Amino acid sequence: MFLDPGRPGVEDLIDSIIAGVRSSCTYAGAGSLEEFAEKAVVGIQSAAGYAEGKPLHASWN
């Protein structure tokens, strides 16, 4: 796991993990972890797909 030198604390790491879980629930349309477990579909993402989903360093404009 990557630790950001600008945010090295445990609180920052936990906040980042919770933000990811919250985002996953939003994508699945779940209002609770129980509902997420029912709705979630797990898949495998290729390295190319992962790279494509990363934010750009600059705007397209």
Protein backbone atom coordinates (compact mmCIF):
# COMPACT_ATOMS: atom_id res chain seq x y z
CA MET A 1 0.00 0.00 0.00
CA PHE A 2 1.27 3.47 -0.90
CA LEU A 3 1.64 6.00 1.91
CA ASP A 4 1.44 9.61 0.82
CA PRO A 5 4.34 11.52 2.40
CA GLY A 6 2.06 14.55 2.66
CA ARG A 7 -0.54 12.58 4.65
CA PRO A 8 1.37 9.87 6.54
CA GLY A 9 -0.93 9.45 9.54
CA VAL A 10 -3.12 6.46 10.34
CA GLU A 11 -6.17 8.74 10.38
CA ASP A 12 -5.41 9.80 6.80
CA LEU A 13 -5.06 6.18 5.69
CA ILE A 14 -8.34 5.14 7.35
CA ASP A 15 -10.07 8.18 5.84
CA SER A 16 -8.84 7.15 2.38
CA ILE A 17 -10.08 3.56 2.85
CA ILE A 18 -13.50 4.72 4.08
CA ALA A 19 -13.79 7.11 1.13
CA GLY A 20 -13.17 4.16 -1.20
CA VAL A 21 -15.80 2.02 0.53
CA ARG A 22 -18.29 4.92 0.41
CA SER A 23 -17.59 5.38 -3.32
CA SER A 24 -18.07 1.65 -3.95
CA CYS A 25 -21.43 1.71 -2.18
CA THR A 26 -22.47 4.70 -4.29
CA TYR A 27 -21.56 2.93 -7.54
CA ALA A 28 -23.52 -0.15 -6.46
CA GLY A 29 -26.51 1.93 -5.35
CA ALA A 30 -26.29 0.59 -1.82
CA GLY A 31 -27.29 2.47 1.31
CA SER A 32 -25.62 0.08 3.76
CA LEU A 33 -22.84 -2.50 3.83
CA GLU A 34 -25.43 -5.27 3.96
CA GLU A 35 -27.09 -3.94 0.81
CA PHE A 36 -23.67 -3.54 -0.82
CA ALA A 37 -22.88 -7.20 -0.14
CA GLU A 38 -26.09 -8.17 -1.95
CA LYS A 39 -25.59 -5.84 -4.94
CA ALA A 40 -21.83 -5.89 -5.50
CA VAL A 41 -20.39 -7.69 -8.50
CA VAL A 42 -16.69 -8.49 -8.26
CA GLY A 43 -14.61 -8.56 -11.43
CA ILE A 44 -11.02 -8.52 -12.55
CA GLN A 45 -9.56 -5.31 -13.97
CA SER A 46 -6.63 -5.40 -16.37
CA ALA A 47 -3.60 -3.15 -15.97
CA ALA A 48 -4.71 -1.24 -19.08
CA GLY A 49 -8.18 -0.67 -17.60
CA TYR A 50 -6.66 0.52 -14.35
CA ALA A 51 -4.36 2.95 -16.18
CA GLU A 52 -7.28 4.26 -18.24
CA GLY A 53 -9.26 5.04 -15.09
CA LYS A 54 -6.49 7.09 -13.47
CA PRO A 55 -6.89 10.89 -13.51
CA LEU A 56 -5.00 12.88 -16.10
CA HIS A 57 -2.12 15.13 -15.04
CA ALA A 58 -3.66 17.96 -17.03
CA SER A 59 -6.98 18.86 -18.59
CA TRP A 60 -7.78 17.75 -22.15
CA ASN A 61 -8.11 21.41 -23.12
